[in-house]
């Protein structure tokens, strides 16, 4: 069975002020899981909060102290122009990061081969010492560091399919030989970082506005898949953002449900070859709830095939 790991706090958290990361995103996913029949072949787990020790593997102590000190009991606290904290933010963020740690525990101990974490707030923009882009803790980075530190993983591959560059994950793991980072993103675009790059540990696919599945598949086939195969990871992690969908107005890319299914199947085959099938997928972007829900179901169907 595929594990679904989240927490009610991730659904309840309301950033307010018409923020795009609405609670209805997760409601739509859960409803579509039931409508598709996938809910009955998944096991749901309630996520704990990430511990300070787990967070310190990827974030600075001063940054954590400041974030905890600024968390409001009422009202809102601005972090930057599009990132602010409300009373439920810190609890949701702690459970979001904790969900990925727990999912890593499940797959690394053989209790399940695959896990998906439908969590919010997202994480891949959170740098070691900076919250930004709706993100406070880098959820996938926390999980990857946990796999390395607590489970003895030697190599973790992180594949980021969000429409926006995963600057936080790149900031945290840049130069770490144990982690392979594969990003695809619209360029130039927020957060205005990330350049086309192809090294042994960093493969950035910069897509132009308007490009869709054909360009994405060709670039991934040429660069990502051989790099992951050569790296031979013990664990594959996915920053599963779905805002590159052609019906999501948060980007100008034009991917479709079958494109998300295709990359998932390719990653599953590589995980089967090198990582005993172990994949942990973590929700990032995707801001049109019904489109997001369809994309997640396509992703999970391919994961379960």
Protein backbone atom coordinates (compact mmCIF):
# COMPACT_ATOMS: atom_id res chain seq x y z
CA UNK A 1 0.00 0.00 0.00
CA UNK A 2 1.08 3.56 -0.65
CA UNK A 3 1.26 5.63 2.52
CA UNK A 4 -0.46 9.02 2.70
CA UNK A 5 1.11 11.08 5.49
CA UNK A 6 -0.29 14.42 6.63
CA UNK A 7 -1.96 16.08 9.62
CA UNK A 8 -5.23 17.97 10.16
CA UNK A 9 -3.23 21.11 10.97
CA UNK A 10 -2.05 21.18 7.36
CA UNK A 11 -5.65 21.33 6.17
CA UNK A 12 -6.84 23.80 8.80
CA UNK A 13 -4.09 26.39 8.48
CA UNK A 14 -5.37 29.60 6.85
CA UNK A 15 -2.75 32.13 5.70
CA UNK A 16 -5.47 34.75 5.16
CA UNK A 17 -5.41 37.83 2.89
CA UNK A 18 -6.51 35.91 -0.19
CA UNK A 19 -3.33 33.83 -0.20
CA UNK A 20 -3.13 31.22 -3.03
CA UNK A 21 -2.24 28.40 -0.60
CA UNK A 22 -5.82 27.84 0.50
CA UNK A 23 -7.02 24.96 2.72
CA UNK A 24 -9.23 23.82 -0.17
CA UNK A 25 -6.15 22.51 -1.97
CA UNK A 26 -5.93 19.54 0.39
CA UNK A 27 -9.72 19.10 0.54
CA UNK A 28 -9.75 18.73 -3.25
CA UNK A 29 -6.96 16.13 -3.14
CA UNK A 30 -8.69 14.01 -0.52
CA UNK A 31 -12.03 14.21 -2.33
CA UNK A 32 -10.42 13.17 -5.61
CA UNK A 33 -8.64 10.26 -3.92
CA UNK A 34 -12.02 8.97 -2.79
CA UNK A 35 -13.73 9.60 -6.15
CA UNK A 36 -10.92 7.85 -8.03
CA UNK A 37 -10.94 4.79 -5.78
CA UNK A 38 -7.30 5.29 -4.83
CA UNK A 39 -8.17 6.10 -1.24
CA UNK A 40 -9.02 2.44 -0.66
CA UNK A 41 -5.55 1.26 -1.68
CA UNK A 42 -3.70 3.80 0.47
CA UNK A 43 -3.03 3.80 4.18
CA UNK A 44 -3.34 7.13 5.95
CA UNK A 45 -0.91 8.14 8.69
CA UNK A 46 -1.07 11.19 10.96
CA UNK A 47 2.19 13.10 10.96
CA UNK A 48 4.06 14.12 14.11
CA UNK A 49 5.75 17.50 14.40
CA UNK A 50 9.33 17.68 13.23
CA UNK A 51 11.74 17.96 16.13
CA UNK A 52 14.27 20.74 16.58
CA UNK A 53 17.05 18.21 15.99
CA UNK A 54 15.53 17.21 12.64
CA UNK A 55 15.11 20.83 11.57
CA UNK A 56 18.64 21.77 12.62
CA UNK A 57 20.05 19.35 10.05
CA UNK A 58 19.00 21.81 7.32
CA UNK A 59 18.21 25.13 9.05
CA UNK A 60 20.27 27.39 11.29
CA UNK A 61 19.58 27.65 15.01
CA UNK A 62 19.20 31.42 14.86
CA UNK A 63 16.70 31.17 12.02
CA UNK A 64 14.59 28.64 13.95
CA UNK A 65 14.70 30.76 17.12
CA UNK A 66 13.56 33.84 15.20
CA UNK A 67 10.74 31.99 13.42
CA UNK A 68 9.41 30.53 16.65
CA UNK A 69 9.65 33.91 18.38
CA UNK A 70 7.74 35.65 15.58
CA UNK A 71 4.87 33.12 15.36
CA UNK A 72 1.76 35.12 16.29
CA UNK A 73 -1.02 34.15 18.69
CA UNK A 74 -3.32 36.52 16.80
CA UNK A 75 -3.13 38.54 13.61
CA UNK A 76 -0.44 38.26 10.95
CA UNK A 77 3.32 38.73 10.88
CA UNK A 78 5.01 39.57 7.57
CA UNK A 79 8.08 37.54 6.62
CA UNK A 80 8.34 38.91 3.08
CA UNK A 81 5.98 40.24 0.43
CA UNK A 82 4.23 36.90 -0.20
CA UNK A 83 5.03 34.99 2.98
CA UNK A 84 3.45 35.73 6.31
CA UNK A 85 2.58 33.88 9.50
CA UNK A 86 -0.85 33.52 11.08
CA UNK A 87 -1.71 31.66 14.30
CA UNK A 88 -1.83 28.25 12.57
CA UNK A 89 1.28 28.63 10.42
CA UNK A 90 3.98 27.30 12.72
CA UNK A 91 2.00 24.23 13.79
CA UNK A 92 1.15 23.38 10.18
CA UNK A 93 4.77 23.86 9.09
CA UNK A 94 6.07 21.63 11.89
CA UNK A 95 3.64 18.87 10.92
CA UNK A 96 4.44 19.31 7.20
CA UNK A 97 8.15 18.72 7.85
CA UNK A 98 7.31 15.97 10.34
CA UNK A 99 5.18 14.22 7.73
CA UNK A 100 8.19 13.86 5.43
CA UNK A 101 10.39 12.56 8.25
CA UNK A 102 7.73 9.98 9.12
CA UNK A 103 7.30 9.02 5.46
CA UNK A 104 11.05 8.49 5.18
CA UNK A 105 10.90 6.25 8.25
CA UNK A 106 8.14 4.20 6.62
CA UNK A 107 9.97 3.60 3.35
CA UNK A 108 13.46 3.18 4.78
CA UNK A 109 12.27 0.51 7.22
CA UNK A 110 10.35 -1.36 4.52
CA UNK A 111 6.88 -0.72 5.90
CA UNK A 112 5.88 0.68 2.50
CA UNK A 113 7.65 1.32 -0.80
CA UNK A 114 5.99 4.61 -1.62
CA UNK A 115 4.69 7.54 0.42
CA UNK A 116 2.97 10.77 -0.55
CA UNK A 117 2.77 13.74 1.80
CA UNK A 118 -0.11 16.12 0.96
CA UNK A 119 1.05 18.93 3.23
CA UNK A 120 1.02 22.68 3.42
CA UNK A 121 2.73 25.07 3.74
CA UNK A 122 5.10 23.92 0.98
CA UNK A 123 8.84 23.89 1.54
CA UNK A 124 11.21 24.02 -1.41
CA UNK A 125 11.79 27.80 -1.32
CA UNK A 126 12.85 27.82 2.35
CA UNK A 127 16.60 28.30 2.45
CA UNK A 128 18.87 27.40 5.35
CA UNK A 129 18.28 30.77 7.03
CA UNK A 130 15.37 32.31 5.15
CA UNK A 131 11.63 31.75 4.76
CA UNK A 132 10.16 32.81 1.42
CA UNK A 133 7.72 31.85 -1.32
CA UNK A 134 5.04 30.53 1.10
CA UNK A 135 7.69 28.23 2.66
CA UNK A 136 9.06 28.11 6.22
CA UNK A 137 10.82 24.74 6.58
CA UNK A 138 12.23 22.92 3.57
CA UNK A 139 10.15 19.78 4.00
CA UNK A 140 11.87 17.61 1.41
CA UNK A 141 15.30 18.68 2.64
CA UNK A 142 14.37 17.80 6.22
CA UNK A 143 13.31 14.36 5.01
CA UNK A 144 16.43 13.82 2.91
CA UNK A 145 18.72 14.83 5.77
CA UNK A 146 16.83 12.43 8.04
CA UNK A 147 17.37 9.57 5.58
CA UNK A 148 21.10 10.32 5.55
CA UNK A 149 21.50 10.80 9.31
CA UNK A 150 19.04 8.34 10.82
CA UNK A 151 18.84 5.56 8.23
CA UNK A 152 22.35 5.47 6.84
CA UNK A 153 21.34 6.32 3.28
CA UNK A 154 24.44 6.98 1.21
CA UNK A 155 22.77 8.76 -1.72
CA UNK A 156 19.44 10.59 -2.02
CA UNK A 157 18.08 11.92 -5.32
CA UNK A 158 15.65 14.86 -5.08
CA UNK A 159 13.57 15.60 -8.18
CA UNK A 160 11.69 18.92 -8.16
CA UNK A 161 8.93 19.20 -10.77
CA UNK A 162 7.40 22.44 -9.49
CA UNK A 163 7.11 25.36 -11.91
CA UNK A 164 9.36 27.44 -9.65
CA UNK A 165 13.02 26.79 -8.96
CA UNK A 166 13.64 24.91 -5.70
CA UNK A 167 16.13 27.49 -4.49
CA UNK A 168 15.86 26.45 -0.85
CA UNK A 169 16.72 22.82 -1.47
CA UNK A 170 19.59 23.86 -3.71
CA UNK A 171 20.86 26.31 -1.07
CA UNK A 172 20.82 23.60 1.60
CA UNK A 173 22.44 20.77 -0.35
CA UNK A 174 24.69 22.64 -2.78
CA UNK A 175 28.01 20.82 -2.79
CA UNK A 176 26.82 17.85 -0.73
CA UNK A 177 28.07 14.78 -2.63
CA UNK A 178 25.40 12.59 -1.02
CA UNK A 179 22.51 14.44 -2.69
CA UNK A 180 21.62 14.72 -6.38
CA UNK A 181 19.32 17.65 -7.16
CA UNK A 182 17.20 17.61 -10.34
CA UNK A 183 15.10 20.74 -10.88
CA UNK A 184 12.75 21.75 -13.66
CA UNK A 185 11.31 25.25 -13.63
CA UNK A 186 10.12 28.13 -15.77
CA UNK A 187 12.93 30.57 -16.46
CA UNK A 188 13.11 33.49 -16.02
CA UNK A 189 10.52 33.37 -13.26
CA UNK A 190 10.11 33.60 -9.50
CA UNK A 191 12.27 33.23 -7.41
CA UNK A 192 14.61 34.49 -10.15
CA UNK A 193 17.29 31.96 -9.22
CA UNK A 194 18.52 28.82 -10.90
CA UNK A 195 20.39 28.59 -14.15
CA UNK A 196 20.58 25.79 -16.71
CA UNK A 197 23.12 23.44 -15.19
CA UNK A 198 24.30 19.88 -15.61
CA UNK A 199 26.90 18.55 -13.16
CA UNK A 200 27.33 15.30 -11.27
CA UNK A 201 25.14 16.58 -8.41
CA UNK A 202 22.96 19.32 -9.91
CA UNK A 203 20.82 19.09 -13.04
CA UNK A 204 18.67 22.16 -13.69
CA UNK A 205 16.20 22.14 -16.57
CA UNK A 206 15.20 25.73 -17.31
CA UNK A 207 12.01 25.77 -19.41
CA UNK A 208 10.76 28.81 -21.30
CA UNK A 209 7.27 30.21 -20.84
CA UNK A 210 4.80 28.27 -22.98
CA UNK A 211 6.79 25.06 -23.11
CA UNK A 212 4.87 21.89 -22.34
CA UNK A 213 5.17 18.15 -22.12
CA UNK A 214 7.27 17.55 -25.23
CA UNK A 215 10.04 19.91 -24.08
CA UNK A 216 9.87 18.68 -20.49
CA UNK A 217 10.01 14.99 -21.45
CA UNK A 218 12.87 15.52 -23.90
CA UNK A 219 14.94 17.47 -21.37
CA UNK A 220 14.26 15.01 -18.56
CA UNK A 221 15.11 12.04 -20.79
CA UNK A 222 18.35 13.66 -21.91
CA UNK A 223 19.55 14.99 -18.53
CA UNK A 224 17.65 13.78 -15.47
CA UNK A 225 17.18 10.08 -16.13
CA UNK A 226 20.80 9.25 -17.00
CA UNK A 227 22.05 11.33 -14.07
CA UNK A 228 19.79 9.53 -11.59
CA UNK A 229 20.70 6.17 -13.08
CA UNK A 230 24.42 6.90 -12.73
CA UNK A 231 23.96 8.24 -9.19
CA UNK A 232 22.16 5.02 -8.11
CA UNK A 233 20.27 6.54 -5.17
CA UNK A 234 19.18 4.67 -2.05
CA UNK A 235 16.07 6.86 -1.94
CA UNK A 236 14.21 8.98 -4.49
CA UNK A 237 12.35 12.03 -3.21
CA UNK A 238 10.02 14.21 -5.27
CA UNK A 239 9.18 17.85 -4.66
CA UNK A 240 5.81 17.34 -6.29
CA UNK A 241 4.62 20.74 -7.41
CA UNK A 242 1.85 20.72 -10.00
CA UNK A 243 1.69 24.43 -10.84
CA UNK A 244 3.44 23.75 -14.17
CA UNK A 245 0.06 22.45 -15.37
CA UNK A 246 -1.33 24.32 -18.37
CA UNK A 247 -4.54 25.08 -16.42
CA UNK A 248 -2.72 26.58 -13.41
CA UNK A 249 -2.23 30.31 -13.79
CA UNK A 250 0.64 30.44 -11.29
CA UNK A 251 3.04 29.73 -14.14
CA UNK A 252 3.27 29.94 -17.91
CA UNK A 253 4.22 26.32 -18.48
CA UNK A 254 1.90 23.86 -20.20
CA UNK A 255 2.30 20.40 -18.68
CA UNK A 256 -0.70 18.07 -18.47
CA UNK A 257 -1.82 15.20 -16.24
CA UNK A 258 -0.12 12.59 -18.49
CA UNK A 259 3.20 14.44 -18.21
CA UNK A 260 3.14 14.12 -14.42
CA UNK A 261 2.25 10.44 -14.79
CA UNK A 262 5.10 9.93 -17.27
CA UNK A 263 7.85 11.36 -15.04
CA UNK A 264 6.48 9.42 -12.08
CA UNK A 265 6.70 6.14 -14.00
CA UNK A 266 10.26 6.94 -15.06
CA UNK A 267 11.28 7.73 -11.50
CA UNK A 268 9.55 4.60 -10.21
CA UNK A 269 11.54 2.45 -12.63
CA UNK A 270 14.80 4.03 -11.45
CA UNK A 271 13.78 3.61 -7.82
CA UNK A 272 12.97 -0.05 -8.48
CA UNK A 273 16.40 -0.51 -10.06
CA UNK A 274 18.49 1.22 -7.41
CA UNK A 275 16.48 2.01 -4.27
CA UNK A 276 14.32 -1.05 -3.62
CA UNK A 277 11.44 1.01 -4.99
CA UNK A 278 11.66 3.63 -2.23
CA UNK A 279 10.02 6.94 -3.19
CA UNK A 280 8.81 9.75 -0.94
CA UNK A 281 6.79 12.41 -2.74
CA UNK A 282 6.00 15.75 -1.09
CA UNK A 283 3.40 18.28 -2.22
CA UNK A 284 4.73 21.68 -3.21
CA UNK A 285 2.75 23.98 -5.53
CA UNK A 286 -0.47 23.61 -7.49
CA UNK A 287 -3.04 26.31 -6.83
CA UNK A 288 -6.18 25.46 -8.82
CA UNK A 289 -7.73 22.88 -6.51
CA UNK A 290 -9.50 20.66 -9.05
CA UNK A 291 -6.52 20.69 -11.44
CA UNK A 292 -4.18 19.97 -8.55
CA UNK A 293 -6.34 17.05 -7.40
CA UNK A 294 -6.39 15.50 -10.89
CA UNK A 295 -2.62 15.88 -11.20
CA UNK A 296 -2.04 14.25 -7.82
CA UNK A 297 -4.22 11.29 -8.79
CA UNK A 298 -2.28 10.88 -12.06
CA UNK A 299 0.96 10.99 -10.06
CA UNK A 300 -0.26 8.42 -7.53
CA UNK A 301 -1.69 6.06 -10.15
CA UNK A 302 1.70 6.00 -11.86
CA UNK A 303 3.42 5.50 -8.53
CA UNK A 304 1.23 2.51 -7.74
CA UNK A 305 1.35 0.79 -11.16
